[in-house]
Amino acid sequence: MIDVTLLIARLLFVALLYIFLLALMKTGIGLVRGQRKKEKGWSIAVEQGPKELRGVQIAVHGPVIVGRNPGADIVIGASYVSGRHARFTLMGQNLFVEDLGSTNGTTVNKQRIDGPCGLHDKDVVTVGDVAMRVRFN
């Protein structure tokens, strides 16, 4: 009789232990997912320009190069755009854009820039006739 009672107690203990571990894992996974959803980051969306570029959106996790070069992250196939025209760079939570010595320049909110320029949410960066809006979301 005691053996049966001990066996039932052991099985109940193991079942409770598994339930506890499952609940612990579910809570941990939920916390990780919640942190990812709340994590904010920068994105670049092409709003104006050639049809094939309009609507393109890129999340910024590192340097983003804009230019005519096929190796650029955003390729603009126009003769007035340099091979490596402009670069978006993250510094902490801040996003900067700089012209890379192009002939025709880069503008932020219709103002030509001549060095690294800090960006704000919803600023518009223009390279030639391609307008890109940056968003912090």
C-alpha atoms as a PDB file:
ATOM      1  CA  MET A   1       0.000   0.000   0.000  1.00  0.00           C
ATOM      2  CA  ILE A   2       2.801   2.405   0.881  1.00  0.00           C
ATOM      3  CA  ASP A   3       4.599   1.540  -2.378  1.00  0.00           C
ATOM      4  CA  VAL A   4       1.537   2.456  -4.440  1.00  0.00           C
ATOM      5  CA  THR A   5       1.099   5.742  -2.532  1.00  0.00           C
ATOM      6  CA  LEU A   6       4.772   6.649  -3.047  1.00  0.00           C
ATOM      7  CA  LEU A   7       4.556   5.810  -6.764  1.00  0.00           C
ATOM      8  CA  ILE A   8       1.481   8.041  -7.187  1.00  0.00           C
ATOM      9  CA  ALA A   9       3.190  10.850  -5.234  1.00  0.00           C
ATOM     10  CA  ARG A  10       6.302  10.582  -7.431  1.00  0.00           C
ATOM     11  CA  LEU A  11       4.261  10.636 -10.652  1.00  0.00           C
ATOM     12  CA  LEU A  12       2.268  13.630  -9.388  1.00  0.00           C
ATOM     13  CA  PHE A  13       5.496  15.430  -8.467  1.00  0.00           C
ATOM     14  CA  VAL A  14       7.013  14.785 -11.933  1.00  0.00           C
ATOM     15  CA  ALA A  15       3.798  15.975 -13.638  1.00  0.00           C
ATOM     16  CA  LEU A  16       3.774  19.179 -11.571  1.00  0.00           C
ATOM     17  CA  LEU A  17       7.456  19.728 -12.347  1.00  0.00           C
ATOM     18  CA  TYR A  18       6.801  19.428 -16.113  1.00  0.00           C
ATOM     19  CA  ILE A  19       3.835  21.811 -15.882  1.00  0.00           C
ATOM     20  CA  PHE A  20       5.995  24.315 -13.994  1.00  0.00           C
ATOM     21  CA  LEU A  21       8.822  24.087 -16.562  1.00  0.00           C
ATOM     22  CA  LEU A  22       6.384  24.445 -19.465  1.00  0.00           C
ATOM     23  CA  ALA A  23       4.846  27.563 -17.892  1.00  0.00           C
ATOM     24  CA  LEU A  24       8.326  28.985 -17.269  1.00  0.00           C
ATOM     25  CA  MET A  25       9.371  28.426 -20.902  1.00  0.00           C
ATOM     26  CA  LYS A  26       6.131  29.944 -22.209  1.00  0.00           C
ATOM     27  CA  THR A  27       6.664  33.066 -20.087  1.00  0.00           C
ATOM     28  CA  GLY A  28      10.275  33.405 -21.263  1.00  0.00           C
ATOM     29  CA  ILE A  29       9.321  33.082 -24.928  1.00  0.00           C
ATOM     30  CA  GLY A  30       6.547  35.647 -24.450  1.00  0.00           C
ATOM     31  CA  LEU A  31       9.002  38.104 -22.926  1.00  0.00           C
ATOM     32  CA  VAL A  32      11.418  37.722 -25.821  1.00  0.00           C
ATOM     33  CA  ARG A  33       8.657  38.219 -28.393  1.00  0.00           C
ATOM     34  CA  GLY A  34       7.388  41.262 -26.519  1.00  0.00           C
ATOM     35  CA  GLN A  35      10.840  42.830 -26.548  1.00  0.00           C
ATOM     36  CA  ARG A  36      11.166  42.375 -30.289  1.00  0.00           C
ATOM     37  CA  LYS A  37       7.797  43.967 -30.981  1.00  0.00           C
ATOM     38  CA  LYS A  38       8.601  46.987 -28.829  1.00  0.00           C
ATOM     39  CA  GLU A  39      12.080  47.422 -30.309  1.00  0.00           C
ATOM     40  CA  LYS A  40      12.139  50.555 -32.427  1.00  0.00           C
ATOM     41  CA  GLY A  41      14.227  51.008 -35.498  1.00  0.00           C
ATOM     42  CA  TRP A  42      14.730  53.106 -38.606  1.00  0.00           C
ATOM     43  CA  SER A  43      13.404  52.317 -42.052  1.00  0.00           C
ATOM     44  CA  ILE A  44      13.774  53.990 -45.440  1.00  0.00           C
ATOM     45  CA  ALA A  45      10.844  54.026 -47.883  1.00  0.00           C
ATOM     46  CA  VAL A  46      11.105  55.218 -51.482  1.00  0.00           C
ATOM     47  CA  GLU A  47       8.132  57.505 -52.117  1.00  0.00           C
ATOM     48  CA  GLN A  48       8.986  59.148 -55.431  1.00  0.00           C
ATOM     49  CA  GLY A  49      11.062  58.024 -58.377  1.00  0.00           C
ATOM     50  CA  PRO A  50      11.063  55.237 -60.974  1.00  0.00           C
ATOM     51  CA  LYS A  51       8.141  52.781 -60.818  1.00  0.00           C
ATOM     52  CA  GLU A  52      10.360  49.851 -59.886  1.00  0.00           C
ATOM     53  CA  LEU A  53      11.639  51.713 -56.804  1.00  0.00           C
ATOM     54  CA  ARG A  54       8.397  53.237 -55.505  1.00  0.00           C
ATOM     55  CA  GLY A  55       7.190  51.413 -52.429  1.00  0.00           C
ATOM     56  CA  VAL A  56      10.551  49.790 -51.662  1.00  0.00           C
ATOM     57  CA  GLN A  57      11.156  49.801 -47.918  1.00  0.00           C
ATOM     58  CA  ILE A  58      14.395  48.872 -46.173  1.00  0.00           C
ATOM     59  CA  ALA A  59      14.945  48.411 -42.445  1.00  0.00           C
ATOM     60  CA  VAL A  60      18.202  50.051 -41.394  1.00  0.00           C
ATOM     61  CA  HIS A  61      20.440  47.762 -39.335  1.00  0.00           C
ATOM     62  CA  GLY A  62      23.766  49.031 -40.630  1.00  0.00           C
ATOM     63  CA  PRO A  63      25.102  51.287 -43.382  1.00  0.00           C
ATOM     64  CA  VAL A  64      22.767  51.658 -46.389  1.00  0.00           C
ATOM     65  CA  ILE A  65      24.372  52.831 -49.630  1.00  0.00           C
ATOM     66  CA  VAL A  66      22.364  54.632 -52.321  1.00  0.00           C
ATOM     67  CA  GLY A  67      23.787  54.890 -55.826  1.00  0.00           C
ATOM     68  CA  ARG A  68      24.007  53.684 -59.392  1.00  0.00           C
ATOM     69  CA  ASN A  69      26.428  50.865 -58.542  1.00  0.00           C
ATOM     70  CA  PRO A  70      24.793  47.388 -58.706  1.00  0.00           C
ATOM     71  CA  GLY A  71      26.304  46.650 -55.284  1.00  0.00           C
ATOM     72  CA  ALA A  72      24.401  49.519 -53.624  1.00  0.00           C
ATOM     73  CA  ASP A  73      21.540  48.736 -51.253  1.00  0.00           C
ATOM     74  CA  ILE A  74      19.193  51.104 -53.129  1.00  0.00           C
ATOM     75  CA  VAL A  75      20.154  51.128 -56.815  1.00  0.00           C
ATOM     76  CA  ILE A  76      19.090  54.170 -58.855  1.00  0.00           C
ATOM     77  CA  GLY A  77      19.877  53.555 -62.513  1.00  0.00           C
ATOM     78  CA  ALA A  78      20.145  57.161 -63.698  1.00  0.00           C
ATOM     79  CA  SER A  79      23.148  58.958 -65.161  1.00  0.00           C
ATOM     80  CA  TYR A  80      22.858  61.870 -62.707  1.00  0.00           C
ATOM     81  CA  VAL A  81      23.393  59.519 -59.733  1.00  0.00           C
ATOM     82  CA  SER A  82      26.938  58.587 -58.697  1.00  0.00           C
ATOM     83  CA  GLY A  83      28.005  54.967 -58.223  1.00  0.00           C
ATOM     84  CA  ARG A  84      28.111  55.516 -54.449  1.00  0.00           C
ATOM     85  CA  HIS A  85      26.005  58.636 -54.044  1.00  0.00           C
ATOM     86  CA  ALA A  86      24.917  58.722 -50.375  1.00  0.00           C
ATOM     87  CA  ARG A  87      25.158  56.631 -47.216  1.00  0.00           C
ATOM     88  CA  PHE A  88      22.729  56.214 -44.324  1.00  0.00           C
ATOM     89  CA  THR A  89      24.510  55.327 -41.071  1.00  0.00           C
ATOM     90  CA  LEU A  90      23.238  54.359 -37.627  1.00  0.00           C
ATOM     91  CA  MET A  91      25.003  55.764 -34.578  1.00  0.00           C
ATOM     92  CA  GLY A  92      23.252  54.351 -31.547  1.00  0.00           C
ATOM     93  CA  GLN A  93      19.560  55.151 -32.043  1.00  0.00           C
ATOM     94  CA  ASN A  94      20.322  58.084 -34.373  1.00  0.00           C
ATOM     95  CA  LEU A  95      20.282  57.927 -38.163  1.00  0.00           C
ATOM     96  CA  PHE A  96      22.595  60.071 -40.290  1.00  0.00           C
ATOM     97  CA  VAL A  97      22.886  60.579 -44.028  1.00  0.00           C
ATOM     98  CA  GLU A  98      25.930  61.880 -45.845  1.00  0.00           C
ATOM     99  CA  ASP A  99      26.704  62.659 -49.447  1.00  0.00           C
ATOM    100  CA  LEU A 100      29.682  60.623 -50.647  1.00  0.00           C
ATOM    101  CA  GLY A 101      31.146  63.343 -52.875  1.00  0.00           C
ATOM    102  CA  SER A 102      28.549  63.107 -55.630  1.00  0.00           C
ATOM    103  CA  THR A 103      28.428  65.722 -58.386  1.00  0.00           C
ATOM    104  CA  ASN A 104      24.723  66.532 -58.045  1.00  0.00           C
ATOM    105  CA  GLY A 105      24.455  66.333 -54.260  1.00  0.00           C
ATOM    106  CA  THR A 106      21.933  65.034 -51.749  1.00  0.00           C
ATOM    107  CA  THR A 107      19.172  66.998 -50.034  1.00  0.00           C
ATOM    108  CA  VAL A 108      17.328  66.588 -46.738  1.00  0.00           C
ATOM    109  CA  ASN A 109      13.936  68.288 -46.678  1.00  0.00           C
ATOM    110  CA  LYS A 110      14.965  70.201 -49.844  1.00  0.00           C
ATOM    111  CA  GLN A 111      18.180  71.547 -48.208  1.00  0.00           C
ATOM    112  CA  ARG A 112      21.459  70.459 -49.792  1.00  0.00           C
ATOM    113  CA  ILE A 113      23.844  68.803 -47.330  1.00  0.00           C
ATOM    114  CA  ASP A 114      27.619  68.976 -47.388  1.00  0.00           C
ATOM    115  CA  GLY A 115      28.469  66.641 -44.492  1.00  0.00           C
ATOM    116  CA  PRO A 116      26.830  64.078 -42.239  1.00  0.00           C
ATOM    117  CA  CYS A 117      23.310  65.210 -41.363  1.00  0.00           C
ATOM    118  CA  GLY A 118      21.223  63.900 -38.465  1.00  0.00           C
ATOM    119  CA  LEU A 119      17.753  62.760 -39.497  1.00  0.00           C
ATOM    120  CA  HIS A 120      14.420  62.925 -37.716  1.00  0.00           C
ATOM    121  CA  ASP A 121      11.295  60.817 -38.126  1.00  0.00           C
ATOM    122  CA  LYS A 122       9.550  61.538 -41.462  1.00  0.00           C
ATOM    123  CA  ASP A 123      12.432  63.533 -42.985  1.00  0.00           C
ATOM    124  CA  VAL A 124      12.702  63.278 -46.782  1.00  0.00           C
ATOM    125  CA  VAL A 125      16.101  62.555 -48.355  1.00  0.00           C
ATOM    126  CA  THR A 126      16.336  63.242 -52.096  1.00  0.00           C
ATOM    127  CA  VAL A 127      18.880  61.863 -54.534  1.00  0.00           C
ATOM    128  CA  GLY A 128      18.144  63.218 -58.004  1.00  0.00           C
ATOM    129  CA  ASP A 129      14.425  62.668 -58.541  1.00  0.00           C
ATOM    130  CA  VAL A 130      14.173  59.847 -55.972  1.00  0.00           C
ATOM    131  CA  ALA A 131      12.621  60.884 -52.663  1.00  0.00           C
ATOM    132  CA  MET A 132      13.064  58.583 -49.649  1.00  0.00           C
ATOM    133  CA  ARG A 133      11.238  59.104 -46.361  1.00  0.00           C
ATOM    134  CA  VAL A 134      12.896  57.887 -43.167  1.00  0.00           C
ATOM    135  CA  ARG A 135      10.769  56.614 -40.313  1.00  0.00           C
ATOM    136  CA  PHE A 136      11.527  55.698 -36.736  1.00  0.00           C
ATOM    137  CA  ASN A 137       9.022  53.049 -35.681  1.00  0.00           C
END
